[in-house]
C-alpha atoms as a PDB file:
ATOM      1  CA  MET A   1      74.751  20.787 -37.035  1.00  0.00           C
ATOM      2  CA  GLY A   2      74.464  19.956 -33.552  1.00  0.00           C
ATOM      3  CA  THR A   3      73.038  23.420 -32.513  1.00  0.00           C
ATOM      4  CA  ALA A   4      70.319  22.815 -35.054  1.00  0.00           C
ATOM      5  CA  LEU A   5      69.465  19.511 -33.790  1.00  0.00           C
ATOM      6  CA  ALA A   6      69.090  20.854 -30.283  1.00  0.00           C
ATOM      7  CA  VAL A   7      66.771  23.520 -31.214  1.00  0.00           C
ATOM      8  CA  LEU A   8      64.440  21.084 -33.128  1.00  0.00           C
ATOM      9  CA  PHE A   9      64.711  18.554 -30.150  1.00  0.00           C
ATOM     10  CA  HIS A  10      63.548  21.757 -27.834  1.00  0.00           C
ATOM     11  CA  LYS A  11      60.736  22.668 -30.201  1.00  0.00           C
ATOM     12  CA  VAL A  12      59.353  18.920 -30.039  1.00  0.00           C
ATOM     13  CA  LYS A  13      59.487  18.880 -26.099  1.00  0.00           C
ATOM     14  CA  LEU A  14      57.661  22.001 -26.234  1.00  0.00           C
ATOM     15  CA  GLN A  15      55.169  20.955 -28.722  1.00  0.00           C
ATOM     16  CA  SER A  16      54.686  17.561 -26.479  1.00  0.00           C
ATOM     17  CA  ILE A  17      54.234  19.748 -23.231  1.00  0.00           C
ATOM     18  CA  GLY A  18      51.564  21.809 -24.869  1.00  0.00           C
ATOM     19  CA  ILE A  19      49.637  18.874 -25.945  1.00  0.00           C
ATOM     20  CA  PHE A  20      49.944  17.289 -22.558  1.00  0.00           C
ATOM     21  CA  PHE A  21      48.643  20.174 -20.731  1.00  0.00           C
ATOM     22  CA  ALA A  22      45.744  20.695 -23.295  1.00  0.00           C
ATOM     23  CA  ALA A  23      44.571  17.281 -22.922  1.00  0.00           C
ATOM     24  CA  LEU A  24      44.819  17.604 -18.940  1.00  0.00           C
ATOM     25  CA  LEU A  25      42.691  20.903 -19.388  1.00  0.00           C
ATOM     26  CA  ALA A  26      40.034  19.250 -21.618  1.00  0.00           C
ATOM     27  CA  VAL A  27      39.519  16.100 -19.217  1.00  0.00           C
ATOM     28  CA  SER A  28      39.310  18.688 -15.884  1.00  0.00           C
ATOM     29  CA  CYS A  29      36.710  20.720 -18.100  1.00  0.00           C
ATOM     30  CA  SER A  30      34.662  17.706 -19.260  1.00  0.00           C
ATOM     31  CA  GLY A  31      34.704  15.787 -16.117  1.00  0.00           C
ATOM     32  CA  PRO A  32      32.330  18.062 -13.821  1.00  0.00           C
ATOM     33  CA  THR A  33      29.984  18.364 -16.865  1.00  0.00           C
ATOM     34  CA  ALA A  34      29.386  14.717 -17.218  1.00  0.00           C
ATOM     35  CA  THR A  35      28.822  14.194 -13.940  1.00  0.00           C
ATOM     36  CA  LYS A  36      26.270  17.085 -13.510  1.00  0.00           C
ATOM     37  CA  GLU A  37      24.415  15.643 -16.766  1.00  0.00           C
ATOM     38  CA  ALA A  38      24.174  12.313 -14.822  1.00  0.00           C
ATOM     39  CA  ASP A  39      23.160  13.865 -11.883  1.00  0.00           C
ATOM     40  CA  ASN A  40      20.362  15.766 -13.440  1.00  0.00           C
ATOM     41  CA  LYS A  41      18.884  12.562 -15.432  1.00  0.00           C
ATOM     42  CA  PRO A  42      15.688  11.899 -14.519  1.00  0.00           C
ATOM     43  CA  ALA A  43      14.940   8.467 -12.312  1.00  0.00           C
ATOM     44  CA  THR A  44      13.452   5.737 -14.185  1.00  0.00           C
ATOM     45  CA  PRO A  45       9.600   5.801 -12.932  1.00  0.00           C
ATOM     46  CA  VAL A  46       9.022   2.855 -10.610  1.00  0.00           C
ATOM     47  CA  GLU A  47       6.160   0.493 -12.511  1.00  0.00           C
ATOM     48  CA  PRO A  48       3.643  -1.593 -10.868  1.00  0.00           C
ATOM     49  CA  ILE A  49       3.669  -5.369 -11.170  1.00  0.00           C
ATOM     50  CA  THR A  50       0.985  -8.128 -11.568  1.00  0.00           C
ATOM     51  CA  GLY A  51       0.152 -10.283  -9.099  1.00  0.00           C
ATOM     52  CA  LEU A  52       1.888 -13.383 -10.763  1.00  0.00           C
ATOM     53  CA  THR A  53       5.240 -11.286 -10.706  1.00  0.00           C
ATOM     54  CA  GLY A  54       4.762 -10.948  -7.155  1.00  0.00           C
ATOM     55  CA  LEU A  55       3.858 -14.484  -6.278  1.00  0.00           C
ATOM     56  CA  TYR A  56       6.990 -15.944  -8.356  1.00  0.00           C
ATOM     57  CA  ARG A  57       9.344 -13.554  -6.687  1.00  0.00           C
ATOM     58  CA  CYS A  58       8.305 -14.850  -3.396  1.00  0.00           C
ATOM     59  CA  PHE A  59       7.933 -18.668  -4.465  1.00  0.00           C
ATOM     60  CA  GLY A  60      11.819 -19.219  -4.728  1.00  0.00           C
ATOM     61  CA  PRO A  61      13.127 -17.896  -1.306  1.00  0.00           C
ATOM     62  CA  SER A  62       9.873 -19.296   0.228  1.00  0.00           C
ATOM     63  CA  ARG A  63      10.388 -22.804  -1.285  1.00  0.00           C
ATOM     64  CA  GLN A  64      14.104 -22.987   0.336  1.00  0.00           C
ATOM     65  CA  TRP A  65      12.230 -22.834   3.269  1.00  0.00           C
ATOM     66  CA  ALA A  66      10.299 -25.753   2.795  1.00  0.00           C
ATOM     67  CA  GLN A  67      10.074 -27.823  -0.584  1.00  0.00           C
ATOM     68  CA  ASP A  68       6.224 -28.559  -0.489  1.00  0.00           C
ATOM     69  CA  ILE A  69       5.084 -25.062   0.009  1.00  0.00           C
ATOM     70  CA  GLN A  70       1.391 -24.600  -1.417  1.00  0.00           C
ATOM     71  CA  VAL A  71      -0.245 -21.095  -1.952  1.00  0.00           C
ATOM     72  CA  LEU A  72      -2.788 -20.018   0.727  1.00  0.00           C
ATOM     73  CA  ARG A  73      -3.379 -16.354  -0.505  1.00  0.00           C
ATOM     74  CA  VAL A  74      -2.246 -13.708  -2.781  1.00  0.00           C
ATOM     75  CA  GLN A  75      -3.321 -10.199  -2.304  1.00  0.00           C
ATOM     76  CA  SER A  76      -2.470  -6.789  -3.844  1.00  0.00           C
ATOM     77  CA  LEU A  77      -1.431  -4.050  -1.443  1.00  0.00           C
ATOM     78  CA  ALA A  78      -2.288  -0.386  -1.743  1.00  0.00           C
ATOM     79  CA  ILE A  79       0.324   2.415  -1.063  1.00  0.00           C
ATOM     80  CA  LYS A  80      -1.114   5.574   0.006  1.00  0.00           C
ATOM     81  CA  SER A  81       1.090   7.936  -2.480  1.00  0.00           C
ATOM     82  CA  ARG A  82       0.837   5.959  -5.527  1.00  0.00           C
ATOM     83  CA  GLN A  83      -2.003   4.708  -7.721  1.00  0.00           C
ATOM     84  CA  ALA A  84      -1.611   1.418  -9.540  1.00  0.00           C
ATOM     85  CA  PRO A  85      -3.823   0.566 -12.721  1.00  0.00           C
ATOM     86  CA  PRO A  86      -6.657  -2.197 -11.708  1.00  0.00           C
ATOM     87  CA  GLY A  87      -4.844  -5.754 -12.278  1.00  0.00           C
ATOM     88  CA  LYS A  88      -1.547  -4.394 -10.968  1.00  0.00           C
ATOM     89  CA  ALA A  89      -0.327  -3.124  -7.819  1.00  0.00           C
ATOM     90  CA  PHE A  90       3.287  -1.852  -6.435  1.00  0.00           C
ATOM     91  CA  ALA A  91       3.541  -4.552  -3.653  1.00  0.00           C
ATOM     92  CA  TRP A  92       1.869  -7.913  -3.037  1.00  0.00           C
ATOM     93  CA  GLN A  93       1.657  -9.961  -0.045  1.00  0.00           C
ATOM     94  CA  ILE A  94       1.631 -13.947  -0.704  1.00  0.00           C
ATOM     95  CA  ALA A  95       1.050 -16.674   2.014  1.00  0.00           C
ATOM     96  CA  PHE A  96       2.531 -19.842   1.975  1.00  0.00           C
ATOM     97  CA  VAL A  97       1.524 -23.063   3.620  1.00  0.00           C
ATOM     98  CA  SER A  98       3.879 -25.929   4.417  1.00  0.00           C
ATOM     99  CA  PRO A  99       1.919 -29.277   5.151  1.00  0.00           C
ATOM    100  CA  SER A 100       4.938 -31.010   6.253  1.00  0.00           C
ATOM    101  CA  LYS A 101       6.034 -28.362   8.739  1.00  0.00           C
ATOM    102  CA  ASN A 102       2.199 -27.360   9.589  1.00  0.00           C
ATOM    103  CA  ARG A 103       3.417 -23.745   9.305  1.00  0.00           C
ATOM    104  CA  VAL A 104       2.783 -20.664   7.252  1.00  0.00           C
ATOM    105  CA  LYS A 105       4.796 -18.102   5.961  1.00  0.00           C
ATOM    106  CA  ASN A 106       4.092 -14.769   4.845  1.00  0.00           C
ATOM    107  CA  CYS A 107       6.262 -13.057   2.139  1.00  0.00           C
ATOM    108  CA  THR A 108       5.865  -9.672   0.746  1.00  0.00           C
ATOM    109  CA  TYR A 109       7.111  -8.193  -2.707  1.00  0.00           C
ATOM    110  CA  SER A 110       7.453  -4.638  -3.207  1.00  0.00           C
ATOM    111  CA  VAL A 111       8.733  -2.418  -5.882  1.00  0.00           C
ATOM    112  CA  VAL A 112       8.954   0.562  -3.690  1.00  0.00           C
ATOM    113  CA  LYS A 113      10.081   1.308  -0.227  1.00  0.00           C
ATOM    114  CA  GLU A 114       7.028   3.205   1.067  1.00  0.00           C
ATOM    115  CA  ASP A 115       4.211   2.876   3.693  1.00  0.00           C
ATOM    116  CA  GLY A 116       6.793   0.438   5.828  1.00  0.00           C
ATOM    117  CA  LEU A 117       6.954  -1.731   3.237  1.00  0.00           C
ATOM    118  CA  ILE A 118      10.897  -3.218   2.341  1.00  0.00           C
ATOM    119  CA  GLU A 119      11.780  -2.745  -1.319  1.00  0.00           C
ATOM    120  CA  GLY A 120      12.066  -6.257  -2.877  1.00  0.00           C
ATOM    121  CA  ILE A 121      11.432  -9.390  -1.055  1.00  0.00           C
ATOM    122  CA  TYR A 122      10.549  -9.394   2.563  1.00  0.00           C
ATOM    123  CA  ASN A 123      10.223 -12.985   3.861  1.00  0.00           C
ATOM    124  CA  PRO A 124       9.813 -13.112   7.834  1.00  0.00           C
ATOM    125  CA  ASN A 125      10.015 -15.923  10.361  1.00  0.00           C
ATOM    126  CA  ASP A 126       7.066 -18.412   9.973  1.00  0.00           C
ATOM    127  CA  GLU A 127       3.939 -18.643  12.140  1.00  0.00           C
ATOM    128  CA  ALA A 128       2.005 -21.599  13.282  1.00  0.00           C
ATOM    129  CA  TYR A 129      -0.827 -22.831  10.998  1.00  0.00           C
ATOM    130  CA  ASN A 130      -4.380 -23.931  12.253  1.00  0.00           C
ATOM    131  CA  GLY A 131      -5.184 -25.793   9.094  1.00  0.00           C
ATOM    132  CA  SER A 132      -7.398 -25.424   6.359  1.00  0.00           C
ATOM    133  CA  SER A 133     -10.817 -23.952   6.684  1.00  0.00           C
ATOM    134  CA  LYS A 134     -13.955 -23.060   4.462  1.00  0.00           C
ATOM    135  CA  LEU A 135     -12.800 -19.637   3.956  1.00  0.00           C
ATOM    136  CA  ALA A 136      -9.157 -20.728   2.624  1.00  0.00           C
ATOM    137  CA  GLN A 137      -7.341 -23.695   2.057  1.00  0.00           C
ATOM    138  CA  PRO A 138      -4.072 -24.223   0.356  1.00  0.00           C
ATOM    139  CA  PHE A 139      -3.412 -25.122  -3.449  1.00  0.00           C
ATOM    140  CA  ALA A 140      -0.650 -25.945  -5.841  1.00  0.00           C
ATOM    141  CA  ILE A 141       1.109 -22.939  -7.422  1.00  0.00           C
ATOM    142  CA  GLN A 142       0.251 -24.394 -10.879  1.00  0.00           C
ATOM    143  CA  ALA A 143      -3.396 -23.499 -10.555  1.00  0.00           C
ATOM    144  CA  ALA A 144      -2.412 -19.529 -10.625  1.00  0.00           C
ATOM    145  CA  LYS A 145      -1.890 -19.649 -14.554  1.00  0.00           C
ATOM    146  CA  LYS A 146      -3.893 -16.381 -15.662  1.00  0.00           C
ATOM    147  CA  ASP A 147      -2.149 -13.158 -14.522  1.00  0.00           C
ATOM    148  CA  THR A 148      -4.001 -10.495 -12.653  1.00  0.00           C
ATOM    149  CA  ASP A 149      -4.094  -7.836 -15.417  1.00  0.00           C
ATOM    150  CA  GLU A 150      -6.221 -10.355 -17.610  1.00  0.00           C
ATOM    151  CA  ILE A 151      -8.430 -11.589 -14.876  1.00  0.00           C
ATOM    152  CA  TYR A 152      -9.295  -7.728 -14.154  1.00  0.00           C
ATOM    153  CA  ARG A 153     -10.449  -7.375 -17.634  1.00  0.00           C
ATOM    154  CA  VAL A 154     -12.726 -10.266 -17.416  1.00  0.00           C
ATOM    155  CA  ALA A 155     -14.145  -9.232 -14.044  1.00  0.00           C
ATOM    156  CA  LEU A 156     -14.470  -5.675 -15.792  1.00  0.00           C
ATOM    157  CA  GLU A 157     -16.416  -7.175 -18.805  1.00  0.00           C
ATOM    158  CA  ASN A 158     -18.756  -8.973 -16.430  1.00  0.00           C
ATOM    159  CA  SER A 159     -19.382  -5.862 -14.224  1.00  0.00           C
ATOM    160  CA  LYS A 160     -19.617  -2.829 -16.808  1.00  0.00           C
ATOM    161  CA  ASP A 161     -22.812  -1.276 -15.222  1.00  0.00           C
ATOM    162  CA  TYR A 162     -21.478  -1.191 -11.614  1.00  0.00           C
ATOM    163  CA  ALA A 163     -17.991  -0.118 -12.768  1.00  0.00           C
ATOM    164  CA  SER A 164     -19.426   2.941 -14.870  1.00  0.00           C
ATOM    165  CA  LYS A 165     -21.276   3.950 -11.628  1.00  0.00           C
ATOM    166  CA  ASN A 166     -18.064   3.758  -9.379  1.00  0.00           C
ATOM    167  CA  PRO A 167     -15.413   4.877 -11.726  1.00  0.00           C
ATOM    168  CA  ASN A 168     -13.016   5.989  -8.772  1.00  0.00           C
ATOM    169  CA  VAL A 169     -13.300   2.874  -6.548  1.00  0.00           C
ATOM    170  CA  PRO A 170      -9.693   1.406  -6.025  1.00  0.00           C
ATOM    171  CA  ILE A 171      -9.604  -2.528  -6.886  1.00  0.00           C
ATOM    172  CA  THR A 172      -8.153  -5.104  -4.740  1.00  0.00           C
ATOM    173  CA  MET A 173      -6.964  -8.460  -5.993  1.00  0.00           C
ATOM    174  CA  LEU A 174      -7.257 -11.620  -3.790  1.00  0.00           C
ATOM    175  CA  LEU A 175      -6.498 -15.174  -4.884  1.00  0.00           C
ATOM    176  CA  GLU A 176      -7.818 -17.910  -2.354  1.00  0.00           C
ATOM    177  CA  PHE A 177      -9.230 -21.357  -2.772  1.00  0.00           C
ATOM    178  CA  SER A 178     -12.704 -21.561  -0.723  1.00  0.00           C
ATOM    179  CA  GLU A 179     -15.878 -23.373  -0.232  1.00  0.00           C
ATOM    180  CA  ARG A 180     -17.413 -20.747  -2.427  1.00  0.00           C
ATOM    181  CA  ASN A 181     -15.939 -22.078  -5.568  1.00  0.00           C
ATOM    182  CA  PRO A 182     -14.846 -25.356  -6.726  1.00  0.00           C
ATOM    183  CA  VAL A 183     -11.115 -23.915  -7.778  1.00  0.00           C
ATOM    184  CA  ALA A 184      -8.732 -21.522  -6.734  1.00  0.00           C
ATOM    185  CA  ALA A 185     -10.002 -18.080  -7.950  1.00  0.00           C
ATOM    186  CA  TRP A 186      -9.350 -14.461  -8.193  1.00  0.00           C
ATOM    187  CA  ARG A 187     -11.566 -12.422  -6.300  1.00  0.00           C
ATOM    188  CA  VAL A 188     -11.641  -8.940  -8.020  1.00  0.00           C
ATOM    189  CA  ILE A 189     -12.763  -6.384  -5.149  1.00  0.00           C
ATOM    190  CA  TRP A 190     -14.245  -2.943  -5.968  1.00  0.00           C
ATOM    191  CA  GLY A 191     -12.716  -1.521  -2.848  1.00  0.00           C
ATOM    192  CA  THR A 192      -9.801  -1.888  -0.406  1.00  0.00           C
ATOM    193  CA  SER A 193     -11.134  -5.067   1.397  1.00  0.00           C
ATOM    194  CA  VAL A 194     -13.766  -7.737   1.247  1.00  0.00           C
ATOM    195  CA  GLY A 195     -15.472  -6.218   4.371  1.00  0.00           C
ATOM    196  CA  SER A 196     -15.348  -2.942   3.225  1.00  0.00           C
ATOM    197  CA  SER A 197     -16.243  -3.405  -0.561  1.00  0.00           C
ATOM    198  CA  ALA A 198     -19.791  -3.614  -1.750  1.00  0.00           C
ATOM    199  CA  TYR A 199     -19.130  -5.527  -4.975  1.00  0.00           C
ATOM    200  CA  SER A 200     -16.905  -8.189  -5.906  1.00  0.00           C
ATOM    201  CA  VAL A 201     -16.434 -10.772  -8.524  1.00  0.00           C
ATOM    202  CA  PHE A 202     -14.725 -14.508  -8.902  1.00  0.00           C
ATOM    203  CA  VAL A 203     -12.466 -15.114 -11.562  1.00  0.00           C
ATOM    204  CA  ASP A 204     -11.136 -18.867 -12.385  1.00  0.00           C
ATOM    205  CA  SER A 205      -7.118 -18.429 -11.675  1.00  0.00           C
ATOM    206  CA  THR A 206      -6.408 -21.413 -14.190  1.00  0.00           C
ATOM    207  CA  ASN A 207      -8.411 -20.498 -17.286  1.00  0.00           C
ATOM    208  CA  GLY A 208      -9.531 -17.203 -16.719  1.00  0.00           C
ATOM    209  CA  LEU A 209     -13.264 -17.793 -16.947  1.00  0.00           C
ATOM    210  CA  PHE A 210     -15.613 -15.712 -15.153  1.00  0.00           C
ATOM    211  CA  LEU A 211     -17.206 -17.498 -12.134  1.00  0.00           C
ATOM    212  CA  LYS A 212     -19.822 -15.497 -10.297  1.00  0.00           C
ATOM    213  CA  LYS A 213     -20.537 -12.335  -8.516  1.00  0.00           C
ATOM    214  CA  ALA A 214     -19.932 -12.140  -4.809  1.00  0.00           C
ATOM    215  CA  TYR A 215     -22.854 -11.257  -2.810  1.00  0.00           C
END
């Protein structure tokens, strides 16, 4: 009886050892495969963002610098190796003004690390502010209600002739409050800057209504 029990115990012990090594072998074989599959998984493509996304990403950190900040300028930035659809960009630069400090702070929000840009928020030191001018004066962030993809559609609707004749011209978006309009307005620019552009239009940033063409 004792001998039979010993033999049975020996068989159970061998089976347990066999199961343990089989499990160990399965783990060792599947580990590298899983890692390799993860390594080969394609990266999620970076998507461009709208102007209000860039504005509000910079607003929070900049408001820690001064509670009374106002918007002076919002502008899309071009990335050499990437092309964003009109009304969006991979990076936006925003200038805020603090009336109490009489200082200006430039903030950049980028979704890529290219062309000297830092991915995420870049909020450097503030600079001296010379005061509002006819070309640009600060305004409350609440005036920027309509987003840039919608703003571009309004601009395009009122620029069909020019857009059809210049289909490959890059679009630059610029938000300012100047003497040219009674309200803060997006300037939709066919070109990389105001100076180099032959055509641009103004659209109200609060209600999205077309204002006028810029000459």
